[in-house]
């Protein structure tokens, strides 16, 4: 794995900020640069083939058929689509402090009952009448991991659907989307894609979603769907595609390919080992991170103010609500962890 990663990445900082944005592998960078040059020369190829390759790769990573995966560019767009499908008065259960792109579309409807509870009480809060449980598998702010099995079981027991945002976990945390109704993810973090790549997994029966965003790309035959109403929507989840940022998908297929070649299980072992090394070092320094066992994201309350000085020293982390957030991924090493700990000391 080390030789593969050495050829793929060459960061010029101690980059521990994947929870904000992942690094692009060299193959993806070259592919985007080549595509831009081809466009400038008037000889752009079929970039929609890159969309299909990326769709198929994401489907394999999360364990569902590609026919269940829609390709777009924003989590908020897809959660808005799901919000629009709910009847007035439907109850949506969400965790406190979850990412706004996931929860806000339900609030702006105005006629839904959005109930917010602590993450660790999410499963117990599902009740008769809950229509949808929407939550991030790994929390953006502090890396805490939801009890997926418990939430799924509670949702099934009460006839609720699940919407899982895996933006902060897809690529390092093993996950099978076939156990949920809807899954959404941006891919510019742990999946090593450019910004502008987002996937939505829908049920085989489309889960009562109406393709209100459907344009020509959502047609069964897109190039025959350019003018007037789309006569025949795609028979797959592609009916929920939003006209893709093609250059981003040109790079996306290479990032997803690298994650597949290494394997999510191997990435998980690598990333969490580094996170645990950092937690152990923090304990020696007298700091206590947010309790998030098994997470590749470590958040340390009260240390967010150190982010600017760390950045000036060439160590990239995040300041989230006063906490220092470090995120460990496959291009990081134990030396990176030790450098951050030394700087904090």
Protein backbone atom coordinates (compact mmCIF):
# COMPACT_ATOMS: atom_id res chain seq x y z
CA UNK A 1 0.00 0.00 0.00
CA UNK A 2 2.84 2.41 0.80
CA UNK A 3 4.28 2.29 -2.72
CA UNK A 4 0.83 2.86 -4.18
CA UNK A 5 0.21 5.86 -1.95
CA UNK A 6 3.66 7.30 -2.54
CA UNK A 7 2.90 7.50 -6.24
CA UNK A 8 -0.59 8.89 -5.66
CA UNK A 9 0.03 11.69 -3.16
CA UNK A 10 2.71 14.25 -2.45
CA UNK A 11 1.32 16.66 0.17
CA UNK A 12 3.46 19.69 0.96
CA UNK A 13 1.96 20.07 4.43
CA UNK A 14 1.12 17.76 7.30
CA UNK A 15 -2.41 17.42 6.03
CA UNK A 16 -4.81 16.23 8.73
CA UNK A 17 -7.96 17.88 7.40
CA UNK A 18 -9.75 15.29 5.28
CA UNK A 19 -12.97 15.96 7.18
CA UNK A 20 -12.95 19.31 5.37
CA UNK A 21 -11.60 18.18 2.01
CA UNK A 22 -9.57 15.19 0.86
CA UNK A 23 -6.45 15.27 -1.26
CA UNK A 24 -6.76 14.38 -4.93
CA UNK A 25 -4.64 11.48 -6.21
CA UNK A 26 -2.17 12.28 -8.98
CA UNK A 27 -4.14 10.27 -11.56
CA UNK A 28 -7.25 12.33 -10.85
CA UNK A 29 -5.35 15.60 -11.09
CA UNK A 30 -3.87 14.62 -14.45
CA UNK A 31 -7.24 13.47 -15.77
CA UNK A 32 -8.89 16.80 -14.92
CA UNK A 33 -5.99 18.78 -16.38
CA UNK A 34 -6.12 16.72 -19.58
CA UNK A 35 -9.89 17.19 -19.83
CA UNK A 36 -9.58 20.96 -19.41
CA UNK A 37 -6.91 21.06 -22.11
CA UNK A 38 -9.09 18.96 -24.40
CA UNK A 39 -12.04 21.31 -23.92
CA UNK A 40 -9.84 24.30 -24.66
CA UNK A 41 -8.70 22.59 -27.85
CA UNK A 42 -12.26 21.78 -28.91
CA UNK A 43 -11.85 18.02 -28.64
CA UNK A 44 -13.54 17.06 -25.38
CA UNK A 45 -14.36 13.39 -25.12
CA UNK A 46 -17.34 11.63 -23.57
CA UNK A 47 -17.14 12.77 -19.96
CA UNK A 48 -20.50 11.15 -19.24
CA UNK A 49 -18.60 7.87 -19.35
CA UNK A 50 -16.71 9.13 -16.29
CA UNK A 51 -20.02 9.77 -14.53
CA UNK A 52 -21.07 6.17 -15.13
CA UNK A 53 -17.71 4.82 -14.00
CA UNK A 54 -17.90 6.88 -10.80
CA UNK A 55 -21.50 5.82 -10.18
CA UNK A 56 -20.56 2.15 -10.54
CA UNK A 57 -17.52 2.52 -8.26
CA UNK A 58 -19.50 4.22 -5.51
CA UNK A 59 -22.18 1.55 -5.79
CA UNK A 60 -19.59 -1.17 -5.26
CA UNK A 61 -18.06 0.65 -2.29
CA UNK A 62 -21.41 0.86 -0.48
CA UNK A 63 -22.68 -2.53 -1.63
CA UNK A 64 -25.67 -1.74 -3.85
CA UNK A 65 -26.41 -2.08 -7.58
CA UNK A 66 -25.49 0.94 -9.67
CA UNK A 67 -29.15 1.14 -10.69
CA UNK A 68 -29.92 2.41 -7.18
CA UNK A 69 -27.40 5.28 -7.36
CA UNK A 70 -28.10 8.81 -8.60
CA UNK A 71 -25.29 11.23 -9.38
CA UNK A 72 -25.41 14.93 -8.59
CA UNK A 73 -23.45 17.68 -6.92
CA UNK A 74 -24.95 18.51 -3.50
CA UNK A 75 -26.22 16.75 -0.40
CA UNK A 76 -28.69 19.59 0.27
CA UNK A 77 -30.24 19.10 -3.18
CA UNK A 78 -30.86 15.43 -2.52
CA UNK A 79 -32.09 15.85 1.03
CA UNK A 80 -34.36 18.58 -0.33
CA UNK A 81 -35.69 16.08 -2.86
CA UNK A 82 -36.46 13.63 -0.05
CA UNK A 83 -38.01 16.39 2.07
CA UNK A 84 -40.27 17.34 -0.84
CA UNK A 85 -41.59 13.77 -0.98
CA UNK A 86 -42.93 13.77 2.58
CA UNK A 87 -46.59 14.57 3.32
CA UNK A 88 -47.44 17.66 5.38
CA UNK A 89 -47.11 17.00 9.09
CA UNK A 90 -44.71 14.08 8.68
CA UNK A 91 -42.24 13.67 11.54
CA UNK A 92 -38.53 13.70 10.72
CA UNK A 93 -36.15 12.69 13.50
CA UNK A 94 -32.60 14.15 13.40
CA UNK A 95 -29.64 14.35 15.81
CA UNK A 96 -28.59 17.54 17.53
CA UNK A 97 -25.88 19.45 15.70
CA UNK A 98 -25.88 17.35 12.54
CA UNK A 99 -24.64 18.97 9.35
CA UNK A 100 -26.95 21.65 7.97
CA UNK A 101 -27.01 20.26 4.42
CA UNK A 102 -28.70 17.17 5.84
CA UNK A 103 -31.15 18.71 8.29
CA UNK A 104 -31.99 22.18 6.97
CA UNK A 105 -34.07 21.07 3.94
CA UNK A 106 -36.54 19.47 6.36
CA UNK A 107 -36.79 22.66 8.41
CA UNK A 108 -37.40 24.97 5.46
CA UNK A 109 -40.42 22.92 4.35
CA UNK A 110 -42.23 24.61 7.21
CA UNK A 111 -44.98 21.98 7.43
CA UNK A 112 -42.93 19.04 8.69
CA UNK A 113 -42.44 18.07 12.32
CA UNK A 114 -38.68 18.05 12.74
CA UNK A 115 -37.73 16.56 16.10
CA UNK A 116 -34.13 16.92 17.30
CA UNK A 117 -32.60 14.62 19.89
CA UNK A 118 -29.10 13.75 21.14
CA UNK A 119 -27.21 11.39 18.83
CA UNK A 120 -26.81 8.72 21.48
CA UNK A 121 -30.58 8.67 22.04
CA UNK A 122 -31.56 8.56 18.38
CA UNK A 123 -32.72 4.93 18.27
CA UNK A 124 -34.74 5.24 21.47
CA UNK A 125 -36.43 8.39 20.13
CA UNK A 126 -38.00 6.66 17.12
CA UNK A 127 -41.70 6.28 17.81
CA UNK A 128 -44.97 5.42 16.08
CA UNK A 129 -45.61 8.13 13.55
CA UNK A 130 -41.95 8.87 12.81
CA UNK A 131 -41.75 8.96 9.03
CA UNK A 132 -38.01 9.38 8.53
CA UNK A 133 -34.83 9.20 10.60
CA UNK A 134 -32.11 11.32 8.99
CA UNK A 135 -28.59 11.27 10.41
CA UNK A 136 -24.91 11.28 9.56
CA UNK A 137 -23.17 7.98 10.21
CA UNK A 138 -20.10 9.91 11.42
CA UNK A 139 -20.67 13.39 12.78
CA UNK A 140 -18.84 16.19 10.99
CA UNK A 141 -18.18 18.26 14.10
CA UNK A 142 -16.58 15.63 16.28
CA UNK A 143 -16.45 12.25 14.53
CA UNK A 144 -18.95 10.44 16.77
CA UNK A 145 -20.38 7.37 15.06
CA UNK A 146 -24.10 6.67 15.19
CA UNK A 147 -25.38 3.29 16.40
CA UNK A 148 -26.47 2.26 12.92
CA UNK A 149 -27.81 -1.17 13.81
CA UNK A 150 -29.94 0.20 16.65
CA UNK A 151 -31.39 3.02 14.54
CA UNK A 152 -32.18 0.65 11.69
CA UNK A 153 -33.92 -1.77 14.03
CA UNK A 154 -35.97 0.98 15.68
CA UNK A 155 -36.95 2.45 12.30
CA UNK A 156 -38.10 -0.95 11.04
CA UNK A 157 -40.06 -1.58 14.23
CA UNK A 158 -42.00 1.67 13.79
CA UNK A 159 -42.33 1.73 10.01
CA UNK A 160 -39.96 4.68 9.58
CA UNK A 161 -37.51 5.12 6.73
CA UNK A 162 -33.83 5.90 7.15
CA UNK A 163 -31.67 8.50 5.42
CA UNK A 164 -27.98 8.09 6.20
CA UNK A 165 -25.40 10.73 5.26
CA UNK A 166 -22.05 9.01 4.82
CA UNK A 167 -20.14 12.10 3.68
CA UNK A 168 -17.81 11.79 6.68
CA UNK A 169 -17.47 8.02 6.62
CA UNK A 170 -17.65 6.63 3.07
CA UNK A 171 -14.15 5.61 2.12
CA UNK A 172 -12.87 4.71 5.59
CA UNK A 173 -15.77 3.17 7.50
CA UNK A 174 -17.23 -0.06 6.09
CA UNK A 175 -20.91 0.47 5.29
CA UNK A 176 -23.60 -1.44 3.42
CA UNK A 177 -26.22 0.90 1.99
CA UNK A 178 -28.59 -1.97 1.25
CA UNK A 179 -29.72 -1.78 4.88
CA UNK A 180 -31.13 1.74 4.51
CA UNK A 181 -33.78 3.41 2.41
CA UNK A 182 -31.72 6.40 1.36
CA UNK A 183 -28.00 7.12 1.51
CA UNK A 184 -26.34 10.35 0.49
CA UNK A 185 -22.69 11.39 0.34
CA UNK A 186 -20.42 14.05 -0.99
CA UNK A 187 -17.26 12.50 -2.38
CA UNK A 188 -14.69 15.29 -1.99
CA UNK A 189 -13.62 14.16 1.46
CA UNK A 190 -12.68 10.56 2.22
CA UNK A 191 -13.47 9.33 -1.32
CA UNK A 192 -10.73 11.57 -2.79
CA UNK A 193 -12.84 13.21 -5.49
CA UNK A 194 -13.02 16.85 -6.61
CA UNK A 195 -15.78 19.03 -5.22
CA UNK A 196 -19.04 18.78 -7.12
CA UNK A 197 -19.55 15.01 -6.81
CA UNK A 198 -22.45 13.68 -4.72
CA UNK A 199 -24.29 10.37 -4.75
CA UNK A 200 -27.79 9.38 -3.63
CA UNK A 201 -28.85 5.77 -3.06
CA UNK A 202 -32.59 5.15 -3.37
CA UNK A 203 -34.73 2.03 -2.87
CA UNK A 204 -35.45 -0.24 -5.82
CA UNK A 205 -38.97 1.22 -5.94
CA UNK A 206 -37.56 4.78 -5.66
CA UNK A 207 -39.16 5.26 -2.24
CA UNK A 208 -42.05 7.46 -3.37
CA UNK A 209 -39.63 10.10 -4.63
CA UNK A 210 -40.88 12.34 -7.43
CA UNK A 211 -38.05 13.38 -9.78
CA UNK A 212 -38.93 17.07 -9.53
CA UNK A 213 -35.38 18.02 -10.52
CA UNK A 214 -35.35 15.88 -13.64
CA UNK A 215 -33.82 17.44 -16.73
CA UNK A 216 -32.60 15.88 -19.91
CA UNK A 217 -29.91 13.78 -18.16
CA UNK A 218 -32.70 11.99 -16.28
CA UNK A 219 -34.21 10.60 -19.47
CA UNK A 220 -33.91 6.94 -20.36
CA UNK A 221 -32.31 8.18 -23.57
CA UNK A 222 -30.75 11.51 -22.52
CA UNK A 223 -29.84 12.74 -25.98
CA UNK A 224 -33.41 12.14 -27.11
CA UNK A 225 -34.71 14.09 -24.09
CA UNK A 226 -33.24 17.52 -24.79
CA UNK A 227 -36.39 19.31 -25.95
CA UNK A 228 -39.83 19.55 -24.43
CA UNK A 229 -41.01 17.30 -21.62
CA UNK A 230 -38.91 14.20 -20.99
CA UNK A 231 -41.08 11.47 -22.46
CA UNK A 232 -39.46 8.56 -20.66
CA UNK A 233 -37.58 8.91 -17.40
CA UNK A 234 -34.65 6.62 -16.75
CA UNK A 235 -35.74 3.24 -15.43
CA UNK A 236 -32.99 3.40 -12.79
CA UNK A 237 -32.01 5.90 -10.09
CA UNK A 238 -30.50 7.95 -12.90
CA UNK A 239 -33.94 9.60 -13.10
CA UNK A 240 -32.77 11.52 -10.02
CA UNK A 241 -29.50 12.65 -11.59
CA UNK A 242 -28.80 16.37 -11.49
CA UNK A 243 -26.83 17.64 -14.48
CA UNK A 244 -23.33 16.67 -13.34
CA UNK A 245 -20.20 18.78 -12.97
CA UNK A 246 -18.46 16.76 -15.65
CA UNK A 247 -14.90 17.86 -14.93
CA UNK A 248 -15.34 16.83 -11.30
CA UNK A 249 -16.51 13.38 -12.36
CA UNK A 250 -13.49 13.02 -14.64
CA UNK A 251 -11.34 13.20 -11.53
CA UNK A 252 -13.80 11.29 -9.34
CA UNK A 253 -13.40 7.95 -11.03
CA UNK A 254 -9.69 7.91 -10.14
CA UNK A 255 -10.19 8.71 -6.46
CA UNK A 256 -12.89 6.07 -6.16
CA UNK A 257 -10.72 3.58 -8.00
CA UNK A 258 -7.90 4.12 -5.49
CA UNK A 259 -10.24 3.55 -2.55
CA UNK A 260 -11.47 0.35 -4.20
CA UNK A 261 -7.97 -0.93 -4.94
CA UNK A 262 -6.82 -0.42 -1.35
CA UNK A 263 -10.13 -1.56 0.13
CA UNK A 264 -12.25 0.22 2.73
CA UNK A 265 -11.32 -2.35 5.39
CA UNK A 266 -7.61 -1.60 4.95
CA UNK A 267 -8.24 2.15 4.94
CA UNK A 268 -10.30 1.77 8.11
CA UNK A 269 -7.52 -0.08 9.91
CA UNK A 270 -4.93 2.50 8.84
CA UNK A 271 -7.01 5.59 9.64
CA UNK A 272 -8.31 4.46 13.02
CA UNK A 273 -4.85 3.34 14.15
CA UNK A 274 -3.56 6.86 13.53
CA UNK A 275 -6.56 8.38 15.31
CA UNK A 276 -5.99 6.13 18.32
CA UNK A 277 -2.29 7.12 18.34
CA UNK A 278 -3.36 10.75 18.48
CA UNK A 279 -5.85 10.08 21.30
CA UNK A 280 -3.14 8.35 23.33
CA UNK A 281 -0.79 11.28 22.78
CA UNK A 282 -3.48 13.75 23.81
CA UNK A 283 -3.97 11.86 27.06
CA UNK A 284 -0.26 12.19 27.81
CA UNK A 285 -0.56 15.94 27.22
CA UNK A 286 -3.56 16.18 29.53
CA UNK A 287 -6.17 16.82 26.81
CA UNK A 288 -9.44 14.94 26.53
CA UNK A 289 -11.04 14.64 23.08
CA UNK A 290 -14.73 14.11 22.42
CA UNK A 291 -15.55 10.47 23.07
CA UNK A 292 -15.76 8.95 19.59
CA UNK A 293 -14.34 5.43 19.75
CA UNK A 294 -13.51 3.84 16.42
CA UNK A 295 -13.58 7.12 14.52
CA UNK A 296 -10.94 8.51 12.17
CA UNK A 297 -11.98 12.01 13.29
CA UNK A 298 -10.72 13.37 16.61
CA UNK A 299 -12.15 16.58 18.09
CA UNK A 300 -10.47 18.30 21.05
CA UNK A 301 -12.60 20.89 22.87
CA UNK A 302 -10.91 24.17 23.72
CA UNK A 303 -8.03 23.83 21.27
CA UNK A 304 -9.65 25.25 18.14
CA UNK A 305 -7.86 28.56 18.67
CA UNK A 306 -4.57 26.77 17.86
CA UNK A 307 -5.64 26.15 14.24
CA UNK A 308 -4.13 29.35 12.71
CA UNK A 309 -0.72 28.84 14.30
CA UNK A 310 -0.71 25.17 13.32
CA UNK A 311 -1.51 26.13 9.75
CA UNK A 312 1.38 28.60 9.72
CA UNK A 313 3.58 25.72 10.88
CA UNK A 314 2.44 23.59 7.96
CA UNK A 315 -0.03 21.42 9.90
CA UNK A 316 -3.56 21.55 8.51
CA UNK A 317 -6.45 20.85 10.88
CA UNK A 318 -9.87 22.48 11.48
CA UNK A 319 -11.43 24.73 14.10
CA UNK A 320 -15.02 23.63 14.62
CA UNK A 321 -16.99 25.51 17.29
CA UNK A 322 -13.87 26.01 19.39
CA UNK A 323 -12.65 22.44 19.04
CA UNK A 324 -9.58 21.34 17.16
CA UNK A 325 -10.59 18.67 14.65
CA UNK A 326 -8.00 16.34 13.17
CA UNK A 327 -8.91 13.77 10.53
CA UNK A 328 -6.58 10.91 9.60
CA UNK A 329 -6.60 9.28 6.19
CA UNK A 330 -4.56 6.95 4.02
CA UNK A 331 -1.94 9.56 3.01
CA UNK A 332 -1.09 10.19 6.68
CA UNK A 333 1.51 8.43 8.80
CA UNK A 334 2.54 8.08 12.42
CA UNK A 335 5.08 10.85 11.83
CA UNK A 336 2.21 13.21 10.99
CA UNK A 337 0.50 12.37 14.27
CA UNK A 338 3.70 12.90 16.22
CA UNK A 339 4.32 16.24 14.55
CA UNK A 340 0.87 17.49 15.55
CA UNK A 341 1.34 16.27 19.12
CA UNK A 342 4.74 17.97 19.33
CA UNK A 343 3.25 21.22 18.10
CA UNK A 344 0.43 21.01 20.66
CA UNK A 345 2.95 20.34 23.42
